[in-house]
């Protein structure tokens, strides 16, 4: 687990390919995975959150409908939850990439423990 500001967190992704490509273009050493690349395609939110918690990975997702509820349920039941960043599907790719990179640079990975944050750029 990274503990210094500006160190890239490890992120499983359920996001548009454009955001993924943009993040990797800006930060080639970013340890980032898509859920489907690790066998989690079609798996429910609780299982994705469990996988992320086991790997100390912050979950970056477009699933703003149900993911937060399951994440908060993990926190309420004292299960590990490495953090969730929900990104609205209506956010333009460029501003989303910039905001995510700023969050990576400005936060410690430990600050995300038990947190659900929502990125909504209009």
PDB file of N, CA and C in Angstrom:
ATOM      1  N   UNK A   1       0.839  -1.175   0.000  1.00  0.00           N
ATOM      2  CA  UNK A   1       0.000   0.000   0.000  1.00  0.00           C
ATOM      3  C   UNK A   1       0.882   1.235   0.000  1.00  0.00           C
ATOM      4  N   UNK A   2       0.532   2.225  -0.800  1.00  0.00           N
ATOM      5  CA  UNK A   2       1.296   3.462  -0.864  1.00  0.00           C
ATOM      6  C   UNK A   2       0.871   4.368   0.284  1.00  0.00           C
ATOM      7  N   UNK A   3       1.822   5.063   0.883  1.00  0.00           N
ATOM      8  CA  UNK A   3       1.489   5.904   2.022  1.00  0.00           C
ATOM      9  C   UNK A   3       1.945   7.343   1.852  1.00  0.00           C
ATOM     10  N   UNK A   4       2.603   7.686   0.770  1.00  0.00           N
ATOM     11  CA  UNK A   4       3.072   9.044   0.565  1.00  0.00           C
ATOM     12  C   UNK A   4       2.125   9.776  -0.356  1.00  0.00           C
ATOM     13  N   UNK A   5       1.969  11.089  -0.120  1.00  0.00           N
ATOM     14  CA  UNK A   5       1.162  11.889  -1.043  1.00  0.00           C
ATOM     15  C   UNK A   5       1.783  11.825  -2.421  1.00  0.00           C
ATOM     16  N   UNK A   6       0.936  11.797  -3.424  1.00  0.00           N
ATOM     17  CA  UNK A   6       1.400  11.784  -4.788  1.00  0.00           C
ATOM     18  C   UNK A   6       1.774  10.406  -5.316  1.00  0.00           C
ATOM     19  N   UNK A   7       1.776   9.407  -4.449  1.00  0.00           N
ATOM     20  CA  UNK A   7       2.059   8.047  -4.905  1.00  0.00           C
ATOM     21  C   UNK A   7       0.772   7.470  -5.481  1.00  0.00           C
ATOM     22  N   UNK A   8       0.851   6.812  -6.619  1.00  0.00           N
ATOM     23  CA  UNK A   8      -0.366   6.320  -7.237  1.00  0.00           C
ATOM     24  C   UNK A   8      -0.993   5.173  -6.465  1.00  0.00           C
ATOM     25  N   UNK A   9      -2.275   5.288  -6.119  1.00  0.00           N
ATOM     26  CA  UNK A   9      -2.949   4.160  -5.486  1.00  0.00           C
ATOM     27  C   UNK A   9      -3.225   3.085  -6.525  1.00  0.00           C
ATOM     28  N   UNK A  10      -3.503   1.893  -6.061  1.00  0.00           N
ATOM     29  CA  UNK A  10      -3.881   0.802  -6.952  1.00  0.00           C
ATOM     30  C   UNK A  10      -5.390   0.823  -7.096  1.00  0.00           C
ATOM     31  N   UNK A  11      -5.869   0.904  -8.299  1.00  0.00           N
ATOM     32  CA  UNK A  11      -7.296   1.105  -8.529  1.00  0.00           C
ATOM     33  C   UNK A  11      -7.901   0.041  -9.436  1.00  0.00           C
ATOM     34  N   UNK A  12      -8.917  -0.702  -8.981  1.00  0.00           N
ATOM     35  CA  UNK A  12      -9.667  -1.498  -9.941  1.00  0.00           C
ATOM     36  C   UNK A  12     -10.682  -0.572 -10.600  1.00  0.00           C
ATOM     37  N   UNK A  13     -10.980  -0.788 -11.823  1.00  0.00           N
ATOM     38  CA  UNK A  13     -11.840   0.147 -12.535  1.00  0.00           C
ATOM     39  C   UNK A  13     -13.070  -0.494 -13.132  1.00  0.00           C
ATOM     40  N   UNK A  14     -14.144   0.241 -13.095  1.00  0.00           N
ATOM     41  CA  UNK A  14     -15.354  -0.051 -13.839  1.00  0.00           C
ATOM     42  C   UNK A  14     -15.698   1.238 -14.561  1.00  0.00           C
ATOM     43  N   UNK A  15     -14.786   1.767 -15.311  1.00  0.00           N
ATOM     44  CA  UNK A  15     -14.986   3.065 -15.942  1.00  0.00           C
ATOM     45  C   UNK A  15     -14.799   2.977 -17.446  1.00  0.00           C
ATOM     46  N   UNK A  16     -15.176   4.037 -18.087  1.00  0.00           N
ATOM     47  CA  UNK A  16     -15.028   4.097 -19.533  1.00  0.00           C
ATOM     48  C   UNK A  16     -13.563   3.987 -19.929  1.00  0.00           C
ATOM     49  N   UNK A  17     -13.340   3.351 -21.024  1.00  0.00           N
ATOM     50  CA  UNK A  17     -11.981   3.131 -21.512  1.00  0.00           C
ATOM     51  C   UNK A  17     -11.237   4.452 -21.731  1.00  0.00           C
ATOM     52  N   UNK A  18     -11.935   5.494 -22.108  1.00  0.00           N
ATOM     53  CA  UNK A  18     -11.300   6.800 -22.324  1.00  0.00           C
ATOM     54  C   UNK A  18     -10.668   7.355 -21.063  1.00  0.00           C
ATOM     55  N   UNK A  19     -11.325   7.192 -19.925  1.00  0.00           N
ATOM     56  CA  UNK A  19     -10.767   7.651 -18.653  1.00  0.00           C
ATOM     57  C   UNK A  19      -9.531   6.821 -18.323  1.00  0.00           C
ATOM     58  N   UNK A  20      -9.629   5.519 -18.490  1.00  0.00           N
ATOM     59  CA  UNK A  20      -8.496   4.629 -18.229  1.00  0.00           C
ATOM     60  C   UNK A  20      -7.297   5.022 -19.077  1.00  0.00           C
ATOM     61  N   UNK A  21      -7.512   5.170 -20.365  1.00  0.00           N
ATOM     62  CA  UNK A  21      -6.415   5.538 -21.273  1.00  0.00           C
ATOM     63  C   UNK A  21      -5.819   6.890 -20.890  1.00  0.00           C
ATOM     64  N   UNK A  22      -6.673   7.832 -20.567  1.00  0.00           N
ATOM     65  CA  UNK A  22      -6.185   9.160 -20.193  1.00  0.00           C
ATOM     66  C   UNK A  22      -5.369   9.140 -18.911  1.00  0.00           C
ATOM     67  N   UNK A  23      -5.826   8.369 -17.926  1.00  0.00           N
ATOM     68  CA  UNK A  23      -5.069   8.261 -16.675  1.00  0.00           C
ATOM     69  C   UNK A  23      -3.698   7.650 -16.925  1.00  0.00           C
ATOM     70  N   UNK A  24      -3.654   6.598 -17.724  1.00  0.00           N
ATOM     71  CA  UNK A  24      -2.380   5.934 -18.008  1.00  0.00           C
ATOM     72  C   UNK A  24      -1.466   6.786 -18.886  1.00  0.00           C
ATOM     73  N   UNK A  25      -2.041   7.594 -19.746  1.00  0.00           N
ATOM     74  CA  UNK A  25      -1.241   8.493 -20.569  1.00  0.00           C
ATOM     75  C   UNK A  25      -0.556   9.545 -19.682  1.00  0.00           C
ATOM     76  N   UNK A  26      -1.285  10.045 -18.696  1.00  0.00           N
ATOM     77  CA  UNK A  26      -0.755  11.069 -17.803  1.00  0.00           C
ATOM     78  C   UNK A  26       0.147  10.499 -16.716  1.00  0.00           C
ATOM     79  N   UNK A  27      -0.118   9.263 -16.287  1.00  0.00           N
ATOM     80  CA  UNK A  27       0.631   8.628 -15.205  1.00  0.00           C
ATOM     81  C   UNK A  27       0.883   7.167 -15.585  1.00  0.00           C
ATOM     82  N   UNK A  28       1.886   6.926 -16.426  1.00  0.00           N
ATOM     83  CA  UNK A  28       2.120   5.572 -16.945  1.00  0.00           C
ATOM     84  C   UNK A  28       2.394   4.518 -15.875  1.00  0.00           C
ATOM     85  N   UNK A  29       2.880   4.916 -14.699  1.00  0.00           N
ATOM     86  CA  UNK A  29       3.188   3.938 -13.642  1.00  0.00           C
ATOM     87  C   UNK A  29       1.997   3.655 -12.730  1.00  0.00           C
ATOM     88  N   UNK A  30       0.828   4.167 -13.070  1.00  0.00           N
ATOM     89  CA  UNK A  30      -0.363   3.955 -12.255  1.00  0.00           C
ATOM     90  C   UNK A  30      -0.736   2.476 -12.253  1.00  0.00           C
ATOM     91  N   UNK A  31      -0.857   1.905 -11.074  1.00  0.00           N
ATOM     92  CA  UNK A  31      -1.242   0.494 -10.917  1.00  0.00           C
ATOM     93  C   UNK A  31      -2.765   0.442 -10.962  1.00  0.00           C
ATOM     94  N   UNK A  32      -3.294   0.216 -12.147  1.00  0.00           N
ATOM     95  CA  UNK A  32      -4.726   0.333 -12.363  1.00  0.00           C
ATOM     96  C   UNK A  32      -5.238  -0.912 -13.086  1.00  0.00           C
ATOM     97  N   UNK A  33      -6.360  -1.408 -12.649  1.00  0.00           N
ATOM     98  CA  UNK A  33      -6.959  -2.610 -13.231  1.00  0.00           C
ATOM     99  C   UNK A  33      -8.431  -2.357 -13.507  1.00  0.00           C
ATOM    100  N   UNK A  34      -8.930  -2.983 -14.570  1.00  0.00           N
ATOM    101  CA  UNK A  34     -10.369  -2.976 -14.814  1.00  0.00           C
ATOM    102  C   UNK A  34     -10.947  -4.241 -14.209  1.00  0.00           C
ATOM    103  N   UNK A  35     -12.140  -4.145 -13.693  1.00  0.00           N
ATOM    104  CA  UNK A  35     -12.777  -5.292 -13.039  1.00  0.00           C
ATOM    105  C   UNK A  35     -12.802  -6.512 -13.961  1.00  0.00           C
ATOM    106  N   UNK A  36     -13.137  -6.309 -15.220  1.00  0.00           N
ATOM    107  CA  UNK A  36     -13.227  -7.446 -16.130  1.00  0.00           C
ATOM    108  C   UNK A  36     -11.868  -8.095 -16.399  1.00  0.00           C
ATOM    109  N   UNK A  37     -10.780  -7.363 -16.209  1.00  0.00           N
ATOM    110  CA  UNK A  37      -9.447  -7.924 -16.434  1.00  0.00           C
ATOM    111  C   UNK A  37      -8.991  -8.852 -15.310  1.00  0.00           C
ATOM    112  N   UNK A  38      -9.687  -8.815 -14.188  1.00  0.00           N
ATOM    113  CA  UNK A  38      -9.324  -9.673 -13.051  1.00  0.00           C
ATOM    114  C   UNK A  38     -10.450 -10.660 -12.726  1.00  0.00           C
ATOM    115  N   UNK A  39     -11.308 -10.918 -13.722  1.00  0.00           N
ATOM    116  CA  UNK A  39     -12.352 -11.922 -13.561  1.00  0.00           C
ATOM    117  C   UNK A  39     -13.573 -11.457 -12.802  1.00  0.00           C
ATOM    118  N   UNK A  40     -13.792 -10.140 -12.701  1.00  0.00           N
ATOM    119  CA  UNK A  40     -14.934  -9.640 -11.953  1.00  0.00           C
ATOM    120  C   UNK A  40     -16.062  -9.118 -12.839  1.00  0.00           C
ATOM    121  N   UNK A  41     -15.999  -9.400 -14.120  1.00  0.00           N
ATOM    122  CA  UNK A  41     -17.057  -8.969 -15.019  1.00  0.00           C
ATOM    123  C   UNK A  41     -18.356  -9.682 -14.650  1.00  0.00           C
ATOM    124  N   UNK A  42     -19.408  -8.922 -14.477  1.00  0.00           N
ATOM    125  CA  UNK A  42     -20.702  -9.500 -14.152  1.00  0.00           C
ATOM    126  C   UNK A  42     -20.880  -9.860 -12.691  1.00  0.00           C
ATOM    127  N   UNK A  43     -19.879  -9.601 -11.869  1.00  0.00           N
ATOM    128  CA  UNK A  43     -19.937  -9.909 -10.436  1.00  0.00           C
ATOM    129  C   UNK A  43     -20.644  -8.753  -9.718  1.00  0.00           C
ATOM    130  N   UNK A  44     -21.337  -9.040  -8.649  1.00  0.00           N
ATOM    131  CA  UNK A  44     -22.070  -8.020  -7.912  1.00  0.00           C
ATOM    132  C   UNK A  44     -21.164  -7.046  -7.167  1.00  0.00           C
ATOM    133  N   UNK A  45     -21.740  -5.920  -6.819  1.00  0.00           N
ATOM    134  CA  UNK A  45     -21.002  -4.880  -6.101  1.00  0.00           C
ATOM    135  C   UNK A  45     -20.338  -5.380  -4.818  1.00  0.00           C
ATOM    136  N   UNK A  46     -21.035  -6.168  -3.984  1.00  0.00           N
ATOM    137  CA  UNK A  46     -20.387  -6.631  -2.750  1.00  0.00           C
ATOM    138  C   UNK A  46     -19.113  -7.425  -3.008  1.00  0.00           C
ATOM    139  N   UNK A  47     -19.115  -8.229  -4.059  1.00  0.00           N
ATOM    140  CA  UNK A  47     -17.935  -9.030  -4.384  1.00  0.00           C
ATOM    141  C   UNK A  47     -16.796  -8.152  -4.910  1.00  0.00           C
ATOM    142  N   UNK A  48     -17.133  -7.142  -5.691  1.00  0.00           N
ATOM    143  CA  UNK A  48     -16.116  -6.213  -6.192  1.00  0.00           C
ATOM    144  C   UNK A  48     -15.499  -5.448  -5.016  1.00  0.00           C
ATOM    145  N   UNK A  49     -16.325  -5.005  -4.089  1.00  0.00           N
ATOM    146  CA  UNK A  49     -15.817  -4.290  -2.911  1.00  0.00           C
ATOM    147  C   UNK A  49     -14.947  -5.193  -2.041  1.00  0.00           C
ATOM    148  N   UNK A  50     -15.325  -6.451  -1.912  1.00  0.00           N
ATOM    149  CA  UNK A  50     -14.515  -7.399  -1.146  1.00  0.00           C
ATOM    150  C   UNK A  50     -13.156  -7.595  -1.804  1.00  0.00           C
ATOM    151  N   UNK A  51     -13.152  -7.762  -3.117  1.00  0.00           N
ATOM    152  CA  UNK A  51     -11.900  -7.932  -3.852  1.00  0.00           C
ATOM    153  C   UNK A  51     -11.013  -6.697  -3.669  1.00  0.00           C
ATOM    154  N   UNK A  52     -11.611  -5.519  -3.796  1.00  0.00           N
ATOM    155  CA  UNK A  52     -10.843  -4.276  -3.635  1.00  0.00           C
ATOM    156  C   UNK A  52     -10.266  -4.171  -2.222  1.00  0.00           C
ATOM    157  N   UNK A  53     -11.062  -4.516  -1.223  1.00  0.00           N
ATOM    158  CA  UNK A  53     -10.595  -4.446   0.168  1.00  0.00           C
ATOM    159  C   UNK A  53      -9.451  -5.416   0.415  1.00  0.00           C
ATOM    160  N   UNK A  54      -9.537  -6.611  -0.136  1.00  0.00           N
ATOM    161  CA  UNK A  54      -8.476  -7.602   0.055  1.00  0.00           C
ATOM    162  C   UNK A  54      -7.161  -7.143  -0.561  1.00  0.00           C
ATOM    163  N   UNK A  55      -7.232  -6.370  -1.629  1.00  0.00           N
ATOM    164  CA  UNK A  55      -6.027  -5.891  -2.293  1.00  0.00           C
ATOM    165  C   UNK A  55      -5.650  -4.476  -1.923  1.00  0.00           C
ATOM    166  N   UNK A  56      -6.342  -3.896  -0.918  1.00  0.00           N
ATOM    167  CA  UNK A  56      -6.105  -2.494  -0.539  1.00  0.00           C
ATOM    168  C   UNK A  56      -6.209  -1.569  -1.738  1.00  0.00           C
ATOM    169  N   UNK A  57      -7.223  -1.790  -2.565  1.00  0.00           N
ATOM    170  CA  UNK A  57      -7.420  -0.987  -3.756  1.00  0.00           C
ATOM    171  C   UNK A  57      -8.599  -0.043  -3.589  1.00  0.00           C
ATOM    172  N   UNK A  58      -8.411   1.179  -4.039  1.00  0.00           N
ATOM    173  CA  UNK A  58      -9.490   2.158  -4.068  1.00  0.00           C
ATOM    174  C   UNK A  58     -10.309   1.869  -5.316  1.00  0.00           C
ATOM    175  N   UNK A  59     -11.611   1.810  -5.156  1.00  0.00           N
ATOM    176  CA  UNK A  59     -12.493   1.490  -6.272  1.00  0.00           C
ATOM    177  C   UNK A  59     -12.947   2.769  -6.957  1.00  0.00           C
ATOM    178  N   UNK A  60     -12.692   2.863  -8.237  1.00  0.00           N
ATOM    179  CA  UNK A  60     -13.135   3.977  -9.061  1.00  0.00           C
ATOM    180  C   UNK A  60     -14.238   3.439  -9.947  1.00  0.00           C
ATOM    181  N   UNK A  61     -15.434   4.013  -9.859  1.00  0.00           N
ATOM    182  CA  UNK A  61     -16.583   3.418 -10.535  1.00  0.00           C
ATOM    183  C   UNK A  61     -17.547   4.462 -11.074  1.00  0.00           C
ATOM    184  N   UNK A  62     -18.282   4.068 -12.100  1.00  0.00           N
ATOM    185  CA  UNK A  62     -19.396   4.861 -12.615  1.00  0.00           C
ATOM    186  C   UNK A  62     -20.708   4.400 -11.991  1.00  0.00           C
ATOM    187  N   UNK A  63     -20.685   3.344 -11.219  1.00  0.00           N
ATOM    188  CA  UNK A  63     -21.896   2.777 -10.629  1.00  0.00           C
ATOM    189  C   UNK A  63     -22.327   3.614  -9.427  1.00  0.00           C
ATOM    190  N   UNK A  64     -22.993   4.730  -9.714  1.00  0.00           N
ATOM    191  CA  UNK A  64     -23.412   5.631  -8.641  1.00  0.00           C
ATOM    192  C   UNK A  64     -24.777   5.252  -8.081  1.00  0.00           C
ATOM    193  N   UNK A  65     -25.388   4.213  -8.628  1.00  0.00           N
ATOM    194  CA  UNK A  65     -26.713   3.808  -8.179  1.00  0.00           C
ATOM    195  C   UNK A  65     -26.664   2.925  -6.938  1.00  0.00           C
ATOM    196  N   UNK A  66     -25.786   1.925  -6.933  1.00  0.00           N
ATOM    197  CA  UNK A  66     -25.814   0.947  -5.843  1.00  0.00           C
ATOM    198  C   UNK A  66     -24.497   0.797  -5.085  1.00  0.00           C
ATOM    199  N   UNK A  67     -23.379   1.161  -5.686  1.00  0.00           N
ATOM    200  CA  UNK A  67     -22.074   0.888  -5.077  1.00  0.00           C
ATOM    201  C   UNK A  67     -21.923   1.553  -3.709  1.00  0.00           C
ATOM    202  N   UNK A  68     -22.341   2.806  -3.578  1.00  0.00           N
ATOM    203  CA  UNK A  68     -22.173   3.523  -2.303  1.00  0.00           C
ATOM    204  C   UNK A  68     -22.909   2.820  -1.173  1.00  0.00           C
ATOM    205  N   UNK A  69     -24.103   2.338  -1.431  1.00  0.00           N
ATOM    206  CA  UNK A  69     -24.861   1.642  -0.394  1.00  0.00           C
ATOM    207  C   UNK A  69     -24.136   0.415   0.124  1.00  0.00           C
ATOM    208  N   UNK A  70     -23.575  -0.360  -0.782  1.00  0.00           N
ATOM    209  CA  UNK A  70     -22.813  -1.542  -0.368  1.00  0.00           C
ATOM    210  C   UNK A  70     -21.522  -1.153   0.350  1.00  0.00           C
ATOM    211  N   UNK A  71     -20.897  -0.069  -0.103  1.00  0.00           N
ATOM    212  CA  UNK A  71     -19.666   0.396   0.557  1.00  0.00           C
ATOM    213  C   UNK A  71     -19.971   0.835   1.995  1.00  0.00           C
ATOM    214  N   UNK A  72     -21.026   1.610   2.175  1.00  0.00           N
ATOM    215  CA  UNK A  72     -21.398   2.051   3.526  1.00  0.00           C
ATOM    216  C   UNK A  72     -21.801   0.869   4.402  1.00  0.00           C
ATOM    217  N   UNK A  73     -22.422  -0.139   3.802  1.00  0.00           N
ATOM    218  CA  UNK A  73     -22.779  -1.342   4.560  1.00  0.00           C
ATOM    219  C   UNK A  73     -21.523  -2.031   5.096  1.00  0.00           C
ATOM    220  N   UNK A  74     -20.465  -2.086   4.283  1.00  0.00           N
ATOM    221  CA  UNK A  74     -19.198  -2.666   4.743  1.00  0.00           C
ATOM    222  C   UNK A  74     -18.652  -1.876   5.929  1.00  0.00           C
ATOM    223  N   UNK A  75     -18.723  -0.562   5.855  1.00  0.00           N
ATOM    224  CA  UNK A  75     -18.213   0.280   6.944  1.00  0.00           C
ATOM    225  C   UNK A  75     -19.034   0.048   8.215  1.00  0.00           C
ATOM    226  N   UNK A  76     -20.365   0.021   8.076  1.00  0.00           N
ATOM    227  CA  UNK A  76     -21.240  -0.185   9.242  1.00  0.00           C
ATOM    228  C   UNK A  76     -20.997  -1.525   9.925  1.00  0.00           C
ATOM    229  N   UNK A  77     -20.592  -2.524   9.153  1.00  0.00           N
ATOM    230  CA  UNK A  77     -20.372  -3.857   9.727  1.00  0.00           C
ATOM    231  C   UNK A  77     -18.893  -4.116  10.035  1.00  0.00           C
ATOM    232  N   UNK A  78     -18.116  -3.035  10.075  1.00  0.00           N
ATOM    233  CA  UNK A  78     -16.684  -3.096  10.412  1.00  0.00           C
ATOM    234  C   UNK A  78     -15.865  -3.980   9.484  1.00  0.00           C
ATOM    235  N   UNK A  79     -16.281  -4.075   8.241  1.00  0.00           N
ATOM    236  CA  UNK A  79     -15.479  -4.780   7.238  1.00  0.00           C
ATOM    237  C   UNK A  79     -14.552  -3.762   6.584  1.00  0.00           C
ATOM    238  N   UNK A  80     -13.383  -4.195   6.141  1.00  0.00           N
ATOM    239  CA  UNK A  80     -12.476  -3.245   5.482  1.00  0.00           C
ATOM    240  C   UNK A  80     -13.094  -2.699   4.199  1.00  0.00           C
ATOM    241  N   UNK A  81     -12.861  -1.417   3.965  1.00  0.00           N
ATOM    242  CA  UNK A  81     -13.349  -0.764   2.756  1.00  0.00           C
ATOM    243  C   UNK A  81     -12.313   0.287   2.384  1.00  0.00           C
ATOM    244  N   UNK A  82     -11.555   0.017   1.339  1.00  0.00           N
ATOM    245  CA  UNK A  82     -10.402   0.836   0.959  1.00  0.00           C
ATOM    246  C   UNK A  82     -10.750   2.190   0.392  1.00  0.00           C
ATOM    247  N   UNK A  83     -12.001   2.410   0.085  1.00  0.00           N
ATOM    248  CA  UNK A  83     -12.429   3.688  -0.461  1.00  0.00           C
ATOM    249  C   UNK A  83     -13.067   3.525  -1.825  1.00  0.00           C
ATOM    250  N   UNK A  84     -14.005   4.417  -2.109  1.00  0.00           N
ATOM    251  CA  UNK A  84     -14.709   4.407  -3.388  1.00  0.00           C
ATOM    252  C   UNK A  84     -14.765   5.835  -3.909  1.00  0.00           C
ATOM    253  N   UNK A  85     -14.435   6.002  -5.166  1.00  0.00           N
ATOM    254  CA  UNK A  85     -14.636   7.270  -5.859  1.00  0.00           C
ATOM    255  C   UNK A  85     -15.643   7.009  -6.963  1.00  0.00           C
ATOM    256  N   UNK A  86     -16.817   7.594  -6.823  1.00  0.00           N
ATOM    257  CA  UNK A  86     -17.860   7.460  -7.839  1.00  0.00           C
ATOM    258  C   UNK A  86     -17.742   8.638  -8.790  1.00  0.00           C
ATOM    259  N   UNK A  87     -17.698   8.329 -10.077  1.00  0.00           N
ATOM    260  CA  UNK A  87     -17.581   9.347 -11.112  1.00  0.00           C
ATOM    261  C   UNK A  87     -18.831   9.307 -11.960  1.00  0.00           C
ATOM    262  N   UNK A  88     -19.552  10.399 -11.986  1.00  0.00           N
ATOM    263  CA  UNK A  88     -20.771  10.472 -12.784  1.00  0.00           C
ATOM    264  C   UNK A  88     -20.467  10.191 -14.246  1.00  0.00           C
ATOM    265  N   UNK A  89     -21.352   9.438 -14.893  1.00  0.00           N
ATOM    266  CA  UNK A  89     -21.180   9.155 -16.324  1.00  0.00           C
ATOM    267  C   UNK A  89     -21.313  10.418 -17.160  1.00  0.00           C
ATOM    268  N   UNK A  90     -21.917  11.460 -16.603  1.00  0.00           N
ATOM    269  CA  UNK A  90     -22.099  12.696 -17.362  1.00  0.00           C
ATOM    270  C   UNK A  90     -20.860  13.590 -17.334  1.00  0.00           C
ATOM    271  N   UNK A  91     -19.865  13.231 -16.539  1.00  0.00           N
ATOM    272  CA  UNK A  91     -18.639  14.014 -16.466  1.00  0.00           C
ATOM    273  C   UNK A  91     -17.853  13.822 -17.757  1.00  0.00           C
ATOM    274  N   UNK A  92     -17.352  14.921 -18.307  1.00  0.00           N
ATOM    275  CA  UNK A  92     -16.512  14.819 -19.497  1.00  0.00           C
ATOM    276  C   UNK A  92     -15.192  14.150 -19.126  1.00  0.00           C
ATOM    277  N   UNK A  93     -14.629  13.397 -20.062  1.00  0.00           N
ATOM    278  CA  UNK A  93     -13.438  12.589 -19.790  1.00  0.00           C
ATOM    279  C   UNK A  93     -12.251  13.437 -19.343  1.00  0.00           C
ATOM    280  N   UNK A  94     -11.955  14.515 -20.053  1.00  0.00           N
ATOM    281  CA  UNK A  94     -10.792  15.348 -19.708  1.00  0.00           C
ATOM    282  C   UNK A  94     -10.836  15.878 -18.280  1.00  0.00           C
ATOM    283  N   UNK A  95     -11.924  16.548 -17.892  1.00  0.00           N
ATOM    284  CA  UNK A  95     -12.012  17.036 -16.517  1.00  0.00           C
ATOM    285  C   UNK A  95     -11.998  15.909 -15.475  1.00  0.00           C
ATOM    286  N   UNK A  96     -12.576  14.752 -15.816  1.00  0.00           N
ATOM    287  CA  UNK A  96     -12.553  13.618 -14.883  1.00  0.00           C
ATOM    288  C   UNK A  96     -11.124  13.155 -14.664  1.00  0.00           C
ATOM    289  N   UNK A  97     -10.356  13.025 -15.735  1.00  0.00           N
ATOM    290  CA  UNK A  97      -8.964  12.608 -15.624  1.00  0.00           C
ATOM    291  C   UNK A  97      -8.182  13.599 -14.770  1.00  0.00           C
ATOM    292  N   UNK A  98      -8.343  14.889 -15.058  1.00  0.00           N
ATOM    293  CA  UNK A  98      -7.625  15.918 -14.295  1.00  0.00           C
ATOM    294  C   UNK A  98      -7.974  15.858 -12.817  1.00  0.00           C
ATOM    295  N   UNK A  99      -9.256  15.705 -12.504  1.00  0.00           N
ATOM    296  CA  UNK A  99      -9.684  15.669 -11.096  1.00  0.00           C
ATOM    297  C   UNK A  99      -9.153  14.432 -10.386  1.00  0.00           C
ATOM    298  N   UNK A 100      -9.170  13.291 -11.058  1.00  0.00           N
ATOM    299  CA  UNK A 100      -8.676  12.050 -10.445  1.00  0.00           C
ATOM    300  C   UNK A 100      -7.172  12.156 -10.196  1.00  0.00           C
ATOM    301  N   UNK A 101      -6.437  12.682 -11.164  1.00  0.00           N
ATOM    302  CA  UNK A 101      -4.996  12.853 -10.977  1.00  0.00           C
ATOM    303  C   UNK A 101      -4.692  13.809  -9.829  1.00  0.00           C
ATOM    304  N   UNK A 102      -5.485  14.858  -9.690  1.00  0.00           N
ATOM    305  CA  UNK A 102      -5.303  15.792  -8.571  1.00  0.00           C
ATOM    306  C   UNK A 102      -5.568  15.091  -7.240  1.00  0.00           C
ATOM    307  N   UNK A 103      -6.598  14.264  -7.179  1.00  0.00           N
ATOM    308  CA  UNK A 103      -6.898  13.520  -5.951  1.00  0.00           C
ATOM    309  C   UNK A 103      -5.760  12.566  -5.595  1.00  0.00           C
ATOM    310  N   UNK A 104      -5.182  11.921  -6.600  1.00  0.00           N
ATOM    311  CA  UNK A 104      -4.059  11.024  -6.358  1.00  0.00           C
ATOM    312  C   UNK A 104      -2.884  11.797  -5.774  1.00  0.00           C
ATOM    313  N   UNK A 105      -2.594  12.949  -6.361  1.00  0.00           N
ATOM    314  CA  UNK A 105      -1.439  13.741  -5.925  1.00  0.00           C
ATOM    315  C   UNK A 105      -1.647  14.377  -4.551  1.00  0.00           C
ATOM    316  N   UNK A 106      -2.889  14.670  -4.203  1.00  0.00           N
ATOM    317  CA  UNK A 106      -3.159  15.458  -3.001  1.00  0.00           C
ATOM    318  C   UNK A 106      -3.628  14.652  -1.801  1.00  0.00           C
ATOM    319  N   UNK A 107      -3.686  13.342  -1.917  1.00  0.00           N
ATOM    320  CA  UNK A 107      -4.206  12.577  -0.780  1.00  0.00           C
ATOM    321  C   UNK A 107      -3.316  11.384  -0.475  1.00  0.00           C
ATOM    322  N   UNK A 108      -3.370  10.982   0.780  1.00  0.00           N
ATOM    323  CA  UNK A 108      -2.732   9.740   1.199  1.00  0.00           C
ATOM    324  C   UNK A 108      -3.732   8.615   0.959  1.00  0.00           C
ATOM    325  N   UNK A 109      -3.242   7.455   0.592  1.00  0.00           N
ATOM    326  CA  UNK A 109      -4.147   6.325   0.373  1.00  0.00           C
ATOM    327  C   UNK A 109      -4.949   6.020   1.635  1.00  0.00           C
ATOM    328  N   UNK A 110      -4.329   6.180   2.790  1.00  0.00           N
ATOM    329  CA  UNK A 110      -5.013   5.879   4.051  1.00  0.00           C
ATOM    330  C   UNK A 110      -6.205   6.808   4.301  1.00  0.00           C
ATOM    331  N   UNK A 111      -6.203   7.985   3.683  1.00  0.00           N
ATOM    332  CA  UNK A 111      -7.326   8.917   3.843  1.00  0.00           C
ATOM    333  C   UNK A 111      -8.611   8.384   3.214  1.00  0.00           C
ATOM    334  N   UNK A 112      -8.486   7.419   2.317  1.00  0.00           N
ATOM    335  CA  UNK A 112      -9.634   6.882   1.614  1.00  0.00           C
ATOM    336  C   UNK A 112     -10.330   5.770   2.387  1.00  0.00           C
ATOM    337  N   UNK A 113      -9.703   5.233   3.407  1.00  0.00           N
ATOM    338  CA  UNK A 113     -10.296   4.131   4.171  1.00  0.00           C
ATOM    339  C   UNK A 113     -11.696   4.505   4.657  1.00  0.00           C
ATOM    340  N   UNK A 114     -12.670   3.688   4.302  1.00  0.00           N
ATOM    341  CA  UNK A 114     -14.045   3.903   4.753  1.00  0.00           C
ATOM    342  C   UNK A 114     -14.757   5.077   4.108  1.00  0.00           C
ATOM    343  N   UNK A 115     -14.172   5.669   3.088  1.00  0.00           N
ATOM    344  CA  UNK A 115     -14.743   6.863   2.460  1.00  0.00           C
ATOM    345  C   UNK A 115     -15.390   6.541   1.122  1.00  0.00           C
ATOM    346  N   UNK A 116     -16.505   7.220   0.851  1.00  0.00           N
ATOM    347  CA  UNK A 116     -17.118   7.206  -0.466  1.00  0.00           C
ATOM    348  C   UNK A 116     -17.172   8.661  -0.906  1.00  0.00           C
ATOM    349  N   UNK A 117     -16.547   8.941  -2.034  1.00  0.00           N
ATOM    350  CA  UNK A 117     -16.531  10.308  -2.561  1.00  0.00           C
ATOM    351  C   UNK A 117     -17.145  10.291  -3.946  1.00  0.00           C
ATOM    352  N   UNK A 118     -17.759  11.407  -4.297  1.00  0.00           N
ATOM    353  CA  UNK A 118     -18.481  11.507  -5.559  1.00  0.00           C
ATOM    354  C   UNK A 118     -17.905  12.645  -6.384  1.00  0.00           C
ATOM    355  N   UNK A 119     -17.494  12.345  -7.610  1.00  0.00           N
ATOM    356  CA  UNK A 119     -16.946  13.346  -8.507  1.00  0.00           C
ATOM    357  C   UNK A 119     -18.030  13.747  -9.505  1.00  0.00           C
ATOM    358  N   UNK A 120     -18.451  14.981  -9.399  1.00  0.00           N
ATOM    359  CA  UNK A 120     -19.499  15.485 -10.271  1.00  0.00           C
ATOM    360  C   UNK A 120     -19.055  16.840 -10.806  1.00  0.00           C
ATOM    361  N   UNK A 121     -18.479  16.853 -11.974  1.00  0.00           N
ATOM    362  CA  UNK A 121     -18.032  18.096 -12.607  1.00  0.00           C
ATOM    363  C   UNK A 121     -19.039  18.469 -13.667  1.00  0.00           C
ATOM    364  N   UNK A 122     -19.583  19.638 -13.558  1.00  0.00           N
ATOM    365  CA  UNK A 122     -20.587  20.061 -14.558  1.00  0.00           C
ATOM    366  C   UNK A 122     -19.965  20.924 -15.601  1.00  0.00           C
TER     367      UNK A 122
END
